[in-house]
PDB file of all heavy atoms in Angstrom:
ATOM      1  N   GLN A   1      12.434 -10.001   9.361  1.00  0.00           N
ATOM      2  CA  GLN A   1      12.699  -8.634   8.988  1.00  0.00           C
ATOM      3  C   GLN A   1      12.199  -7.528  10.058  1.00  0.00           C
ATOM      4  O   GLN A   1      12.878  -6.672  10.305  1.00  0.00           O
ATOM      5  CB  GLN A   1      11.868  -8.254   7.641  1.00  0.00           C
ATOM      6  CG  GLN A   1      12.186  -6.817   7.145  1.00  0.00           C
ATOM      7  CD  GLN A   1      11.180  -6.524   6.056  1.00  0.00           C
ATOM      8  OE1 GLN A   1      10.483  -7.316   5.489  1.00  0.00           O
ATOM      9  NE2 GLN A   1      11.126  -5.175   5.695  1.00  0.00           N
ATOM     10  N   PHE A   2      10.997  -7.832  10.569  1.00  0.00           N
ATOM     11  CA  PHE A   2      10.555  -7.001  11.628  1.00  0.00           C
ATOM     12  C   PHE A   2      11.531  -6.870  12.845  1.00  0.00           C
ATOM     13  O   PHE A   2      11.865  -5.820  13.312  1.00  0.00           O
ATOM     14  CB  PHE A   2       9.201  -7.551  12.159  1.00  0.00           C
ATOM     15  CG  PHE A   2       8.563  -6.761  13.277  1.00  0.00           C
ATOM     16  CD1 PHE A   2       7.555  -5.880  12.965  1.00  0.00           C
ATOM     17  CD2 PHE A   2       8.860  -6.953  14.604  1.00  0.00           C
ATOM     18  CE1 PHE A   2       6.923  -5.139  14.075  1.00  0.00           C
ATOM     19  CE2 PHE A   2       8.342  -6.225  15.600  1.00  0.00           C
ATOM     20  CZ  PHE A   2       7.274  -5.399  15.376  1.00  0.00           C
ATOM     21  N   ILE A   3      12.088  -8.001  13.235  1.00  0.00           N
ATOM     22  CA  ILE A   3      12.946  -8.051  14.392  1.00  0.00           C
ATOM     23  C   ILE A   3      14.222  -7.281  14.063  1.00  0.00           C
ATOM     24  O   ILE A   3      14.793  -6.593  14.908  1.00  0.00           O
ATOM     25  CB  ILE A   3      13.228  -9.499  14.776  1.00  0.00           C
ATOM     26  CG1 ILE A   3      11.980 -10.292  15.266  1.00  0.00           C
ATOM     27  CG2 ILE A   3      14.364  -9.605  15.804  1.00  0.00           C
ATOM     28  CD1 ILE A   3      11.368  -9.546  16.433  1.00  0.00           C
ATOM     29  N   PHE A   4      14.741  -7.446  12.833  1.00  0.00           N
ATOM     30  CA  PHE A   4      15.995  -6.727  12.447  1.00  0.00           C
ATOM     31  C   PHE A   4      15.675  -5.201  12.422  1.00  0.00           C
ATOM     32  O   PHE A   4      16.583  -4.433  12.792  1.00  0.00           O
ATOM     33  CB  PHE A   4      16.444  -7.237  11.107  1.00  0.00           C
ATOM     34  CG  PHE A   4      17.475  -8.330  11.208  1.00  0.00           C
ATOM     35  CD1 PHE A   4      17.089  -9.572  11.608  1.00  0.00           C
ATOM     36  CD2 PHE A   4      18.788  -8.177  10.794  1.00  0.00           C
ATOM     37  CE1 PHE A   4      18.001 -10.626  11.773  1.00  0.00           C
ATOM     38  CE2 PHE A   4      19.745  -9.137  11.004  1.00  0.00           C
ATOM     39  CZ  PHE A   4      19.313 -10.425  11.463  1.00  0.00           C
ATOM     40  N   LEU A   5      14.554  -4.821  11.937  1.00  0.00           N
ATOM     41  CA  LEU A   5      14.326  -3.381  11.862  1.00  0.00           C
ATOM     42  C   LEU A   5      14.094  -2.869  13.246  1.00  0.00           C
ATOM     43  O   LEU A   5      14.533  -1.735  13.582  1.00  0.00           O
ATOM     44  CB  LEU A   5      12.975  -3.254  11.074  1.00  0.00           C
ATOM     45  CG  LEU A   5      12.434  -1.782  10.847  1.00  0.00           C
ATOM     46  CD1 LEU A   5      13.584  -0.923  10.236  1.00  0.00           C
ATOM     47  CD2 LEU A   5      11.236  -1.729  10.030  1.00  0.00           C
ATOM     48  N   LYS A   6      13.513  -3.598  14.104  1.00  0.00           N
ATOM     49  CA  LYS A   6      13.340  -3.223  15.546  1.00  0.00           C
ATOM     50  C   LYS A   6      14.641  -3.051  16.231  1.00  0.00           C
ATOM     51  O   LYS A   6      14.836  -2.016  16.893  1.00  0.00           O
ATOM     52  CB  LYS A   6      12.499  -4.214  16.273  1.00  0.00           C
ATOM     53  CG  LYS A   6      12.257  -3.919  17.709  1.00  0.00           C
ATOM     54  CD  LYS A   6      11.332  -5.040  18.314  1.00  0.00           C
ATOM     55  CE  LYS A   6      11.136  -4.762  19.827  1.00  0.00           C
ATOM     56  NZ  LYS A   6      10.246  -5.795  20.454  1.00  0.00           N
ATOM     57  N   LYS A   7      15.633  -3.943  15.954  1.00  0.00           N
ATOM     58  CA  LYS A   7      16.915  -3.850  16.600  1.00  0.00           C
ATOM     59  C   LYS A   7      17.703  -2.619  16.033  1.00  0.00           C
ATOM     60  O   LYS A   7      18.537  -1.990  16.727  1.00  0.00           O
ATOM     61  CB  LYS A   7      17.750  -5.143  16.287  1.00  0.00           C
ATOM     62  CG  LYS A   7      17.294  -6.348  17.063  1.00  0.00           C
ATOM     63  CD  LYS A   7      18.189  -7.498  16.737  1.00  0.00           C
ATOM     64  CE  LYS A   7      17.749  -8.758  17.443  1.00  0.00           C
ATOM     65  NZ  LYS A   7      18.653  -9.941  17.116  1.00  0.00           N
ATOM     66  N   ALA A   8      17.423  -2.314  14.772  1.00  0.00           N
ATOM     67  CA  ALA A   8      18.202  -1.224  14.112  1.00  0.00           C
ATOM     68  C   ALA A   8      17.788   0.140  14.623  1.00  0.00           C
ATOM     69  O   ALA A   8      18.591   1.117  14.530  1.00  0.00           O
ATOM     70  CB  ALA A   8      18.053  -1.303  12.634  1.00  0.00           C
ATOM     71  N   GLY A   9      16.573   0.362  15.032  1.00  0.00           N
ATOM     72  CA  GLY A   9      16.064   1.684  15.436  1.00  0.00           C
ATOM     73  C   GLY A   9      15.699   1.712  16.830  1.00  0.00           C
ATOM     74  O   GLY A   9      15.959   0.829  17.692  1.00  0.00           O
ATOM     75  N   ASN A  10      15.065   2.931  17.169  1.00  0.00           N
ATOM     76  CA  ASN A  10      14.614   3.168  18.563  1.00  0.00           C
ATOM     77  C   ASN A  10      13.070   2.980  18.761  1.00  0.00           C
ATOM     78  O   ASN A  10      12.643   3.168  19.827  1.00  0.00           O
ATOM     79  CB  ASN A  10      15.035   4.581  18.923  1.00  0.00           C
ATOM     80  CG  ASN A  10      16.527   4.918  18.903  1.00  0.00           C
ATOM     81  OD1 ASN A  10      17.268   4.002  19.377  1.00  0.00           O
ATOM     82  ND2 ASN A  10      16.919   5.967  18.420  1.00  0.00           N
ATOM     83  N   ALA A  11      12.450   2.530  17.648  1.00  0.00           N
ATOM     84  CA  ALA A  11      10.989   2.402  17.701  1.00  0.00           C
ATOM     85  C   ALA A  11      10.530   0.978  17.263  1.00  0.00           C
ATOM     86  O   ALA A  11      11.148   0.385  16.407  1.00  0.00           O
ATOM     87  CB  ALA A  11      10.316   3.394  16.911  1.00  0.00           C
ATOM     88  N   THR A  12       9.499   0.440  17.855  1.00  0.00           N
ATOM     89  CA  THR A  12       8.971  -0.787  17.397  1.00  0.00           C
ATOM     90  C   THR A  12       8.158  -0.595  16.214  1.00  0.00           C
ATOM     91  O   THR A  12       7.313   0.233  16.079  1.00  0.00           O
ATOM     92  CB  THR A  12       8.060  -1.361  18.466  1.00  0.00           C
ATOM     93  OG1 THR A  12       8.856  -1.654  19.674  1.00  0.00           O
ATOM     94  CG2 THR A  12       7.502  -2.758  18.095  1.00  0.00           C
ATOM     95  N   PRO A  13       8.460  -1.325  15.044  1.00  0.00           N
ATOM     96  CA  PRO A  13       7.679  -1.145  13.846  1.00  0.00           C
ATOM     97  C   PRO A  13       6.194  -1.491  13.880  1.00  0.00           C
ATOM     98  O   PRO A  13       5.774  -2.238  14.825  1.00  0.00           O
ATOM     99  CB  PRO A  13       8.415  -2.091  12.825  1.00  0.00           C
ATOM    100  CG  PRO A  13       9.755  -2.401  13.432  1.00  0.00           C
ATOM    101  CD  PRO A  13       9.517  -2.327  14.926  1.00  0.00           C
ATOM    102  N   ILE A  14       5.400  -0.846  13.090  1.00  0.00           N
ATOM    103  CA  ILE A  14       4.098  -1.312  12.905  1.00  0.00           C
ATOM    104  C   ILE A  14       3.952  -2.507  11.978  1.00  0.00           C
ATOM    105  O   ILE A  14       4.762  -2.440  11.023  1.00  0.00           O
ATOM    106  CB  ILE A  14       3.134  -0.123  12.390  1.00  0.00           C
ATOM    107  CG1 ILE A  14       3.144   1.001  13.353  1.00  0.00           C
ATOM    108  CG2 ILE A  14       1.786  -0.542  12.082  1.00  0.00           C
ATOM    109  CD1 ILE A  14       2.606   2.380  12.791  1.00  0.00           C
ATOM    110  N   LEU A  15       3.139  -3.479  12.258  1.00  0.00           N
ATOM    111  CA  LEU A  15       3.117  -4.644  11.380  1.00  0.00           C
ATOM    112  C   LEU A  15       1.735  -4.689  10.724  1.00  0.00           C
ATOM    113  O   LEU A  15       0.743  -4.681  11.333  1.00  0.00           O
ATOM    114  CB  LEU A  15       3.280  -5.905  12.281  1.00  0.00           C
ATOM    115  CG  LEU A  15       3.307  -7.267  11.634  1.00  0.00           C
ATOM    116  CD1 LEU A  15       4.432  -7.409  10.557  1.00  0.00           C
ATOM    117  CD2 LEU A  15       3.466  -8.398  12.565  1.00  0.00           C
ATOM    118  N   LEU A  16       1.795  -4.768   9.363  1.00  0.00           N
ATOM    119  CA  LEU A  16       0.596  -4.885   8.499  1.00  0.00           C
ATOM    120  C   LEU A  16       0.466  -6.291   7.967  1.00  0.00           C
ATOM    121  O   LEU A  16       1.402  -6.686   7.212  1.00  0.00           O
ATOM    122  CB  LEU A  16       0.624  -3.853   7.431  1.00  0.00           C
ATOM    123  CG  LEU A  16       0.851  -2.437   7.776  1.00  0.00           C
ATOM    124  CD1 LEU A  16       0.727  -1.536   6.498  1.00  0.00           C
ATOM    125  CD2 LEU A  16      -0.092  -1.916   8.859  1.00  0.00           C
ATOM    126  N   LEU A  17      -0.566  -6.949   8.165  1.00  0.00           N
ATOM    127  CA  LEU A  17      -0.805  -8.384   7.746  1.00  0.00           C
ATOM    128  C   LEU A  17      -1.974  -8.399   6.770  1.00  0.00           C
ATOM    129  O   LEU A  17      -3.159  -8.466   7.188  1.00  0.00           O
ATOM    130  CB  LEU A  17      -1.024  -9.278   8.882  1.00  0.00           C
ATOM    131  CG  LEU A  17       0.103  -9.312   9.891  1.00  0.00           C
ATOM    132  CD1 LEU A  17      -0.336 -10.175  11.169  1.00  0.00           C
ATOM    133  CD2 LEU A  17       1.408  -9.793   9.355  1.00  0.00           C
ATOM    134  N   ASP A  18      -1.780  -8.266   5.443  1.00  0.00           N
ATOM    135  CA  ASP A  18      -2.824  -8.225   4.533  1.00  0.00           C
ATOM    136  C   ASP A  18      -3.206  -9.522   4.018  1.00  0.00           C
ATOM    137  O   ASP A  18      -2.320 -10.361   3.520  1.00  0.00           O
ATOM    138  CB  ASP A  18      -2.400  -7.319   3.303  1.00  0.00           C
ATOM    139  CG  ASP A  18      -3.536  -6.993   2.348  1.00  0.00           C
ATOM    140  OD1 ASP A  18      -4.738  -7.121   2.761  1.00  0.00           O
ATOM    141  OD2 ASP A  18      -3.241  -6.657   1.266  1.00  0.00           O
ATOM    142  N   ASP A  19      -4.552  -9.898   4.149  1.00  0.00           N
ATOM    143  CA  ASP A  19      -5.019 -11.262   3.739  1.00  0.00           C
ATOM    144  C   ASP A  19      -4.289 -12.379   4.376  1.00  0.00           C
ATOM    145  O   ASP A  19      -3.808 -13.322   3.720  1.00  0.00           O
ATOM    146  CB  ASP A  19      -4.962 -11.259   2.183  1.00  0.00           C
ATOM    147  CG  ASP A  19      -5.856 -12.397   1.616  1.00  0.00           C
ATOM    148  OD1 ASP A  19      -6.782 -12.797   2.312  1.00  0.00           O
ATOM    149  OD2 ASP A  19      -5.614 -12.864   0.492  1.00  0.00           O
ATOM    150  N   LEU A  20      -4.051 -12.229   5.712  1.00  0.00           N
ATOM    151  CA  LEU A  20      -3.151 -13.147   6.405  1.00  0.00           C
ATOM    152  C   LEU A  20      -3.619 -14.639   6.351  1.00  0.00           C
ATOM    153  O   LEU A  20      -2.770 -15.483   6.218  1.00  0.00           O
ATOM    154  CB  LEU A  20      -3.056 -12.753   7.840  1.00  0.00           C
ATOM    155  CG  LEU A  20      -2.300 -13.588   8.794  1.00  0.00           C
ATOM    156  CD1 LEU A  20      -0.792 -13.740   8.409  1.00  0.00           C
ATOM    157  CD2 LEU A  20      -2.387 -13.159  10.216  1.00  0.00           C
ATOM    158  N   PHE A  21      -4.910 -14.874   6.531  1.00  0.00           N
ATOM    159  CA  PHE A  21      -5.297 -16.180   6.762  1.00  0.00           C
ATOM    160  C   PHE A  21      -5.590 -17.074   5.552  1.00  0.00           C
ATOM    161  O   PHE A  21      -5.820 -18.284   5.591  1.00  0.00           O
ATOM    162  CB  PHE A  21      -6.570 -16.177   7.587  1.00  0.00           C
ATOM    163  CG  PHE A  21      -6.440 -15.270   8.916  1.00  0.00           C
ATOM    164  CD1 PHE A  21      -7.040 -14.077   9.021  1.00  0.00           C
ATOM    165  CD2 PHE A  21      -5.556 -15.738   9.925  1.00  0.00           C
ATOM    166  CE1 PHE A  21      -6.782 -13.326  10.137  1.00  0.00           C
ATOM    167  CE2 PHE A  21      -5.355 -14.986  11.012  1.00  0.00           C
ATOM    168  CZ  PHE A  21      -5.961 -13.745  11.126  1.00  0.00           C
ATOM    169  N   ASP A  22      -5.604 -16.467   4.309  1.00  0.00           N
ATOM    170  CA  ASP A  22      -5.776 -17.144   3.148  1.00  0.00           C
ATOM    171  C   ASP A  22      -4.725 -18.176   2.947  1.00  0.00           C
ATOM    172  O   ASP A  22      -3.537 -17.898   3.104  1.00  0.00           O
ATOM    173  CB  ASP A  22      -5.900 -16.185   1.994  1.00  0.00           C
ATOM    174  CG  ASP A  22      -6.167 -16.884   0.671  1.00  0.00           C
ATOM    175  OD1 ASP A  22      -7.118 -17.746   0.605  1.00  0.00           O
ATOM    176  OD2 ASP A  22      -5.525 -16.503  -0.421  1.00  0.00           O
ATOM    177  N   LYS A  23      -5.155 -19.348   2.621  1.00  0.00           N
ATOM    178  CA  LYS A  23      -4.196 -20.482   2.217  1.00  0.00           C
ATOM    179  C   LYS A  23      -3.593 -21.153   3.458  1.00  0.00           C
ATOM    180  O   LYS A  23      -2.690 -22.018   3.331  1.00  0.00           O
ATOM    181  CB  LYS A  23      -3.148 -20.027   1.219  1.00  0.00           C
ATOM    182  CG  LYS A  23      -3.657 -19.576  -0.142  1.00  0.00           C
ATOM    183  CD  LYS A  23      -2.615 -18.985  -0.972  1.00  0.00           C
ATOM    184  CE  LYS A  23      -3.200 -18.372  -2.228  1.00  0.00           C
ATOM    185  NZ  LYS A  23      -2.190 -17.652  -3.044  1.00  0.00           N
ATOM    186  N   LEU A  24      -3.921 -20.741   4.717  1.00  0.00           N
ATOM    187  CA  LEU A  24      -3.319 -21.306   5.917  1.00  0.00           C
ATOM    188  C   LEU A  24      -4.395 -22.088   6.581  1.00  0.00           C
ATOM    189  O   LEU A  24      -5.503 -21.704   6.753  1.00  0.00           O
ATOM    190  CB  LEU A  24      -2.848 -20.238   6.817  1.00  0.00           C
ATOM    191  CG  LEU A  24      -1.658 -19.406   6.320  1.00  0.00           C
ATOM    192  CD1 LEU A  24      -1.343 -18.292   7.316  1.00  0.00           C
ATOM    193  CD2 LEU A  24      -0.422 -20.314   6.179  1.00  0.00           C
ATOM    194  N   ASP A  25      -3.940 -23.248   7.110  1.00  0.00           N
ATOM    195  CA  ASP A  25      -4.902 -24.062   7.962  1.00  0.00           C
ATOM    196  C   ASP A  25      -5.117 -23.437   9.355  1.00  0.00           C
ATOM    197  O   ASP A  25      -4.341 -22.608   9.733  1.00  0.00           O
ATOM    198  CB  ASP A  25      -4.401 -25.494   8.095  1.00  0.00           C
ATOM    199  CG  ASP A  25      -3.079 -25.586   8.741  1.00  0.00           C
ATOM    200  OD1 ASP A  25      -2.907 -25.193   9.895  1.00  0.00           O
ATOM    201  OD2 ASP A  25      -2.094 -26.108   8.078  1.00  0.00           O
ATOM    202  N   ALA A  26      -6.105 -23.830  10.045  1.00  0.00           N
ATOM    203  CA  ALA A  26      -6.561 -23.262  11.327  1.00  0.00           C
ATOM    204  C   ALA A  26      -5.420 -23.301  12.355  1.00  0.00           C
ATOM    205  O   ALA A  26      -5.187 -22.323  13.141  1.00  0.00           O
ATOM    206  CB  ALA A  26      -7.765 -23.915  11.836  1.00  0.00           C
ATOM    207  N   THR A  27      -4.597 -24.422  12.309  1.00  0.00           N
ATOM    208  CA  THR A  27      -3.577 -24.534  13.244  1.00  0.00           C
ATOM    209  C   THR A  27      -2.503 -23.520  13.127  1.00  0.00           C
ATOM    210  O   THR A  27      -2.021 -22.882  14.047  1.00  0.00           O
ATOM    211  CB  THR A  27      -3.005 -25.993  13.155  1.00  0.00           C
ATOM    212  OG1 THR A  27      -3.977 -26.951  13.436  1.00  0.00           O
ATOM    213  CG2 THR A  27      -1.856 -26.161  14.221  1.00  0.00           C
ATOM    214  N   ARG A  28      -2.135 -23.347  11.775  1.00  0.00           N
ATOM    215  CA  ARG A  28      -1.032 -22.323  11.530  1.00  0.00           C
ATOM    216  C   ARG A  28      -1.471 -20.885  11.858  1.00  0.00           C
ATOM    217  O   ARG A  28      -0.755 -20.044  12.371  1.00  0.00           O
ATOM    218  CB  ARG A  28      -0.625 -22.397  10.099  1.00  0.00           C
ATOM    219  CG  ARG A  28       0.165 -23.709   9.770  1.00  0.00           C
ATOM    220  CD  ARG A  28       0.943 -23.705   8.464  1.00  0.00           C
ATOM    221  NE  ARG A  28       1.455 -25.082   8.154  1.00  0.00           N
ATOM    222  CZ  ARG A  28       2.641 -25.324   7.683  1.00  0.00           C
ATOM    223  NH1 ARG A  28       3.421 -24.318   7.428  1.00  0.00           N
ATOM    224  NH2 ARG A  28       3.039 -26.544   7.432  1.00  0.00           N
ATOM    225  N   VAL A  29      -2.820 -20.665  11.539  1.00  0.00           N
ATOM    226  CA  VAL A  29      -3.356 -19.326  11.929  1.00  0.00           C
ATOM    227  C   VAL A  29      -3.327 -19.046  13.369  1.00  0.00           C
ATOM    228  O   VAL A  29      -2.869 -17.964  13.824  1.00  0.00           O
ATOM    229  CB  VAL A  29      -4.832 -19.252  11.333  1.00  0.00           C
ATOM    230  CG1 VAL A  29      -5.477 -17.991  11.978  1.00  0.00           C
ATOM    231  CG2 VAL A  29      -4.892 -19.166   9.897  1.00  0.00           C
ATOM    232  N   GLU A  30      -3.699 -20.083  14.148  1.00  0.00           N
ATOM    233  CA  GLU A  30      -3.563 -19.973  15.643  1.00  0.00           C
ATOM    234  C   GLU A  30      -2.203 -19.647  16.111  1.00  0.00           C
ATOM    235  O   GLU A  30      -1.960 -18.805  17.030  1.00  0.00           O
ATOM    236  CB  GLU A  30      -4.171 -21.110  16.259  1.00  0.00           C
ATOM    237  CG  GLU A  30      -4.271 -21.061  17.772  1.00  0.00           C
ATOM    238  CD  GLU A  30      -5.043 -22.167  18.408  1.00  0.00           C
ATOM    239  OE1 GLU A  30      -5.555 -23.113  17.714  1.00  0.00           O
ATOM    240  OE2 GLU A  30      -5.219 -22.173  19.704  1.00  0.00           O
ATOM    241  N   ARG A  31      -1.278 -20.344  15.501  1.00  0.00           N
ATOM    242  CA  ARG A  31       0.166 -20.134  15.937  1.00  0.00           C
ATOM    243  C   ARG A  31       0.643 -18.737  15.613  1.00  0.00           C
ATOM    244  O   ARG A  31       1.389 -18.113  16.345  1.00  0.00           O
ATOM    245  CB  ARG A  31       1.027 -21.260  15.252  1.00  0.00           C
ATOM    246  CG  ARG A  31       0.861 -22.572  15.802  1.00  0.00           C
ATOM    247  CD  ARG A  31       1.738 -23.669  15.132  1.00  0.00           C
ATOM    248  NE  ARG A  31       1.484 -24.963  15.630  1.00  0.00           N
ATOM    249  CZ  ARG A  31       1.455 -26.093  14.891  1.00  0.00           C
ATOM    250  NH1 ARG A  31       1.670 -25.928  13.530  1.00  0.00           N
ATOM    251  NH2 ARG A  31       1.301 -27.290  15.390  1.00  0.00           N
ATOM    252  N   ILE A  32       0.244 -18.275  14.419  1.00  0.00           N
ATOM    253  CA  ILE A  32       0.658 -16.919  14.007  1.00  0.00           C
ATOM    254  C   ILE A  32       0.077 -15.899  14.932  1.00  0.00           C
ATOM    255  O   ILE A  32       0.722 -14.870  15.342  1.00  0.00           O
ATOM    256  CB  ILE A  32       0.291 -16.664  12.485  1.00  0.00           C
ATOM    257  CG1 ILE A  32       1.069 -17.578  11.676  1.00  0.00           C
ATOM    258  CG2 ILE A  32       0.501 -15.168  12.179  1.00  0.00           C
ATOM    259  CD1 ILE A  32       0.697 -17.567  10.205  1.00  0.00           C
TER     260      ILE A  32
END
């Protein structure tokens, strides 16, 4: 969704990641 919004406008969106790491293993967190 971020990429589509970025393509649609002239500004790069701000990205908010709330409680990002909960329920994710360390490997997936590192990749994100």
